[in-house]
Amino acid sequence: MKKAKVKTRWQRINEIILLLHIVFPVWMLFLMYTIGISGKLFLIALAAVLLLGVIYKLVMELGKGKKILCISRVVAILAIIAFYVPTLILMNFNETKLFYPLKRACYIHGVFGENYEFYDDMLPEKLLDNCSDYYFRTQGCFPAQDYHPSSYLIFHTDTEVLDLYAAHYETLDCIRLENGMQSEDEFDDIEWFCSQMRLNERVQDNLDNAVLYWFDEYYPKGMLLNYETGLVAILT
């Protein structure tokens, strides 16, 4: 009678990971949420795991090469972690200014892929030192009707920075609306923007003279600058 083989610790870990990914396929959400980045990272992680399986069998058969096996395990683990990181960053760190460049990259490149240029123009490449009350919420891809993955960026800064942003937004193909000097329809646009951004909940600014650079599209977008308080609010 043959003696049953005792499973190693790594075999049990592999079985648990495999079971979790089949029963709770959260990887599908992570793949979809930042498909522009995660799609490539998924293929790299898959290749690393398959290669690990091949190396494991060879090492077991030959009885040598454990260092290569350890390196392969580390590479596979790092590849799997890298696959999950973009979505985790996109879904979290809304008030952590240090993570802004990473959240921005995960949003414009991960969500929109090759069509990132429009959003690259709207969102500042980096935040300058004079930046307070920071808030940046980002959404990912999701297969739903009439759904657009938006981002909501809010912070206060100084007049010099506002001038830089205003000069840039003036070059974009958008409509300039000044609060208090607009038609009824334009007033509705400003009201909609403020409501969508929930500015009344997040800031106590007087927006009577705020300027909105507005993209009147199926999914409206805009950048609001308020020189009285230094408010910057961007909806993409």
Protein backbone atom coordinates (compact mmCIF):
# COMPACT_ATOMS: atom_id res chain seq x y z
CA MET A 1 0.00 0.00 0.00
CA LYS A 2 1.44 3.34 -1.15
CA LYS A 3 2.08 5.95 1.49
CA ALA A 4 0.25 9.24 0.88
CA LYS A 5 2.52 12.14 0.07
CA VAL A 6 2.65 14.84 2.72
CA LYS A 7 1.99 18.28 1.24
CA THR A 8 4.58 20.92 1.87
CA ARG A 9 3.81 24.31 3.42
CA TRP A 10 4.18 26.05 0.06
CA GLN A 11 1.81 23.58 -1.61
CA ARG A 12 -0.83 24.33 1.02
CA ILE A 13 -0.32 28.09 0.59
CA ASN A 14 -0.68 27.73 -3.18
CA GLU A 15 -3.91 25.75 -2.77
CA ILE A 16 -5.36 28.37 -0.42
CA ILE A 17 -4.48 31.22 -2.80
CA LEU A 18 -5.94 29.32 -5.75
CA LEU A 19 -9.13 28.52 -3.85
CA LEU A 20 -9.60 32.14 -2.77
CA HIS A 21 -9.16 33.37 -6.34
CA ILE A 22 -11.73 30.89 -7.64
CA VAL A 23 -14.36 31.21 -4.90
CA PHE A 24 -13.88 34.96 -4.43
CA PRO A 25 -12.60 36.24 -7.80
CA VAL A 26 -11.67 39.71 -6.51
CA TRP A 27 -8.85 39.72 -9.06
CA MET A 28 -11.45 40.32 -11.76
CA LEU A 29 -12.48 43.59 -10.11
CA PHE A 30 -8.85 44.64 -9.70
CA LEU A 31 -8.15 43.76 -13.34
CA MET A 32 -11.14 45.74 -14.60
CA TYR A 33 -10.82 48.78 -12.31
CA THR A 34 -7.46 49.93 -13.74
CA ILE A 35 -7.42 47.87 -16.93
CA GLY A 36 -4.92 50.17 -18.67
CA ILE A 37 -2.22 49.19 -16.17
CA SER A 38 -3.55 46.04 -14.52
CA GLY A 39 -4.02 44.23 -17.83
CA LYS A 40 -0.27 44.17 -18.41
CA LEU A 41 0.51 43.48 -14.75
CA PHE A 42 -1.93 40.55 -14.81
CA LEU A 43 -0.07 38.92 -17.70
CA ILE A 44 3.25 39.45 -15.93
CA ALA A 45 1.88 37.94 -12.69
CA LEU A 46 0.37 34.99 -14.58
CA ALA A 47 3.65 34.33 -16.38
CA ALA A 48 5.57 34.54 -13.08
CA VAL A 49 3.22 32.05 -11.39
CA LEU A 50 3.36 29.59 -14.31
CA LEU A 51 7.14 29.86 -14.43
CA LEU A 52 7.27 29.21 -10.70
CA GLY A 53 5.26 26.02 -11.21
CA VAL A 54 7.68 24.79 -13.87
CA ILE A 55 10.75 25.61 -11.77
CA TYR A 56 9.20 23.92 -8.72
CA LYS A 57 8.67 20.65 -10.62
CA LEU A 58 12.19 20.72 -12.03
CA VAL A 59 13.72 21.38 -8.61
CA MET A 60 11.71 18.55 -7.06
CA GLU A 61 12.76 16.13 -9.81
CA LEU A 62 16.43 17.14 -9.90
CA GLY A 63 16.83 17.66 -6.17
CA LYS A 64 18.78 20.88 -6.61
CA GLY A 65 18.27 24.53 -7.51
CA LYS A 66 16.53 25.65 -4.33
CA LYS A 67 18.05 29.16 -4.60
CA ILE A 68 16.48 29.59 -8.04
CA LEU A 69 13.19 28.34 -6.59
CA CYS A 70 13.35 30.90 -3.76
CA ILE A 71 14.06 33.70 -6.23
CA SER A 72 11.16 32.54 -8.41
CA ARG A 73 8.83 32.60 -5.42
CA VAL A 74 9.87 36.14 -4.52
CA VAL A 75 9.39 37.29 -8.13
CA ALA A 76 5.95 35.67 -8.30
CA ILE A 77 4.86 37.23 -4.99
CA LEU A 78 6.07 40.68 -6.03
CA ALA A 79 4.32 40.33 -9.41
CA ILE A 80 1.04 39.43 -7.70
CA ILE A 81 1.37 42.37 -5.29
CA ALA A 82 2.15 44.73 -8.18
CA PHE A 83 -1.05 43.59 -9.92
CA TYR A 84 -3.19 44.62 -6.94
CA VAL A 85 -1.42 47.89 -6.12
CA PRO A 86 -2.91 50.25 -8.80
CA THR A 87 -6.51 49.55 -7.80
CA LEU A 88 -5.70 49.76 -4.08
CA ILE A 89 -4.11 53.17 -4.64
CA LEU A 90 -7.03 54.32 -6.79
CA MET A 91 -9.59 53.32 -4.14
CA ASN A 92 -7.74 54.73 -1.12
CA PHE A 93 -5.54 57.62 0.10
CA ASN A 94 -8.14 60.30 -0.72
CA GLU A 95 -6.61 62.73 1.76
CA THR A 96 -2.95 61.69 1.55
CA LYS A 97 -1.21 64.37 -0.51
CA LEU A 98 1.96 62.28 -0.80
CA PHE A 99 0.07 59.74 -2.90
CA TYR A 100 -1.27 62.29 -5.40
CA PRO A 101 1.21 61.49 -8.23
CA LEU A 102 0.49 57.75 -7.89
CA LYS A 103 -3.29 58.19 -7.72
CA ARG A 104 -3.14 60.53 -10.70
CA ALA A 105 -1.08 58.04 -12.73
CA CYS A 106 -3.35 55.12 -11.78
CA TYR A 107 -6.38 57.18 -12.79
CA ILE A 108 -5.31 58.68 -16.11
CA HIS A 109 -3.19 55.74 -17.33
CA GLY A 110 -4.94 52.86 -15.55
CA VAL A 111 -8.51 53.92 -16.26
CA PHE A 112 -8.16 55.62 -19.66
CA GLY A 113 -5.08 53.90 -21.09
CA GLU A 114 -4.05 55.39 -24.43
CA ASN A 115 -6.81 58.03 -24.17
CA TYR A 116 -5.22 59.67 -21.14
CA GLU A 117 -4.12 62.99 -22.73
CA PHE A 118 -7.39 64.86 -22.10
CA TYR A 119 -7.30 64.02 -18.38
CA ASP A 120 -3.57 64.70 -18.26
CA ASP A 121 -4.35 68.29 -19.32
CA MET A 122 -7.03 68.75 -16.67
CA LEU A 123 -5.27 67.37 -13.59
CA PRO A 124 -2.10 69.14 -12.35
CA GLU A 125 1.02 67.07 -12.90
CA LYS A 126 2.07 67.68 -9.31
CA LEU A 127 0.95 69.68 -6.29
CA LEU A 128 3.09 72.58 -5.17
CA ASP A 129 4.13 73.15 -1.56
CA ASN A 130 1.36 75.65 -0.88
CA CYS A 131 -1.51 73.15 -0.91
CA SER A 132 -3.95 72.67 1.97
CA ASP A 133 -7.32 70.97 2.58
CA TYR A 134 -6.35 68.35 0.01
CA TYR A 135 -8.94 65.81 -1.17
CA PHE A 136 -8.68 63.57 -4.25
CA ARG A 137 -11.21 60.82 -4.91
CA THR A 138 -10.84 58.65 -8.00
CA GLN A 139 -13.10 56.04 -9.58
CA GLY A 140 -12.16 53.07 -11.74
CA CYS A 141 -13.62 51.29 -14.75
CA PHE A 142 -16.87 49.40 -14.21
CA PRO A 143 -19.20 47.78 -16.79
CA ALA A 144 -22.39 49.74 -16.13
CA GLN A 145 -24.69 51.75 -18.36
CA ASP A 146 -24.20 55.54 -18.27
CA TYR A 147 -21.22 55.21 -15.97
CA HIS A 148 -18.14 57.40 -16.24
CA PRO A 149 -15.12 56.93 -13.95
CA SER A 150 -14.68 60.40 -12.51
CA SER A 151 -12.14 62.07 -10.26
CA TYR A 152 -12.74 64.80 -7.69
CA LEU A 153 -9.79 67.01 -6.73
CA ILE A 154 -10.14 69.81 -4.15
CA PHE A 155 -7.52 71.93 -2.39
CA HIS A 156 -6.58 75.50 -1.46
CA THR A 157 -3.49 77.28 -2.74
CA ASP A 158 -2.17 80.81 -3.39
CA THR A 159 -2.81 83.36 -6.13
CA GLU A 160 0.44 82.59 -7.96
CA VAL A 161 -0.57 78.96 -8.44
CA LEU A 162 -4.09 79.97 -9.47
CA ASP A 163 -2.58 82.21 -12.15
CA LEU A 164 -0.59 79.25 -13.51
CA TYR A 165 -3.69 77.07 -13.67
CA ALA A 166 -5.82 79.82 -15.21
CA ALA A 167 -3.23 80.46 -17.93
CA HIS A 168 -3.20 76.75 -18.75
CA TYR A 169 -6.98 76.30 -18.74
CA GLU A 170 -7.40 79.31 -21.03
CA THR A 171 -5.58 77.31 -23.72
CA LEU A 172 -8.02 74.38 -23.51
CA ASP A 173 -11.15 74.03 -25.64
CA CYS A 174 -13.61 74.82 -22.86
CA ILE A 175 -16.15 77.49 -21.86
CA ARG A 176 -15.21 80.10 -19.26
CA LEU A 177 -18.06 80.83 -16.84
CA GLU A 178 -17.81 83.44 -14.11
CA ASN A 179 -20.21 83.10 -11.21
CA GLY A 180 -22.52 86.09 -10.92
CA MET A 181 -22.05 87.08 -14.59
CA GLN A 182 -23.69 84.18 -16.42
CA SER A 183 -26.99 83.33 -18.06
CA GLU A 184 -29.58 81.14 -16.36
CA ASP A 185 -28.35 78.04 -18.20
CA GLU A 186 -24.75 78.81 -17.28
CA PHE A 187 -25.80 79.34 -13.68
CA ASP A 188 -27.32 75.85 -13.73
CA ASP A 189 -24.00 74.48 -14.98
CA ILE A 190 -22.12 76.07 -12.07
CA GLU A 191 -24.72 74.85 -9.59
CA TRP A 192 -24.51 71.33 -11.03
CA PHE A 193 -20.71 71.37 -10.78
CA CYS A 194 -20.74 72.52 -7.15
CA SER A 195 -23.36 69.93 -6.29
CA GLN A 196 -21.47 67.13 -8.04
CA MET A 197 -18.27 68.11 -6.23
CA ARG A 198 -20.20 68.49 -2.94
CA LEU A 199 -18.36 71.75 -2.31
CA ASN A 200 -20.89 72.92 0.26
CA GLU A 201 -20.08 69.84 2.34
CA ARG A 202 -16.29 70.00 2.03
CA VAL A 203 -15.49 73.74 2.05
CA GLN A 204 -17.00 76.91 3.49
CA ASP A 205 -15.84 79.17 0.65
CA ASN A 206 -17.84 82.04 -0.80
CA LEU A 207 -18.16 81.10 -4.48
CA ASP A 208 -19.88 84.29 -5.70
CA ASN A 209 -16.94 85.26 -7.93
CA ALA A 210 -15.54 81.84 -8.76
CA VAL A 211 -14.53 81.04 -12.34
CA LEU A 212 -15.46 77.70 -13.93
CA TYR A 213 -13.71 76.31 -17.00
CA TRP A 214 -16.43 74.06 -18.34
CA PHE A 215 -16.53 71.16 -20.80
CA ASP A 216 -20.19 70.84 -21.78
CA GLU A 217 -20.16 67.19 -22.83
CA TYR A 218 -22.32 64.09 -22.27
CA TYR A 219 -20.27 63.60 -19.10
CA PRO A 220 -19.57 67.23 -18.07
CA LYS A 221 -16.18 68.14 -16.67
CA GLY A 222 -14.72 71.32 -15.29
CA MET A 223 -12.12 73.19 -13.27
CA LEU A 224 -13.21 75.84 -10.77
CA LEU A 225 -10.86 78.54 -9.46
CA ASN A 226 -11.79 80.91 -6.66
CA TYR A 227 -9.33 83.79 -6.17
CA GLU A 228 -11.05 85.02 -3.00
CA THR A 229 -10.14 81.88 -1.05
CA GLY A 230 -7.59 80.08 -3.22
CA LEU A 231 -9.93 77.18 -3.90
CA VAL A 232 -9.19 74.76 -6.74
CA ALA A 233 -11.86 72.17 -7.58
CA ILE A 234 -11.50 69.85 -10.57
CA LEU A 235 -14.06 67.34 -11.83
CA THR A 236 -13.01 64.99 -14.64
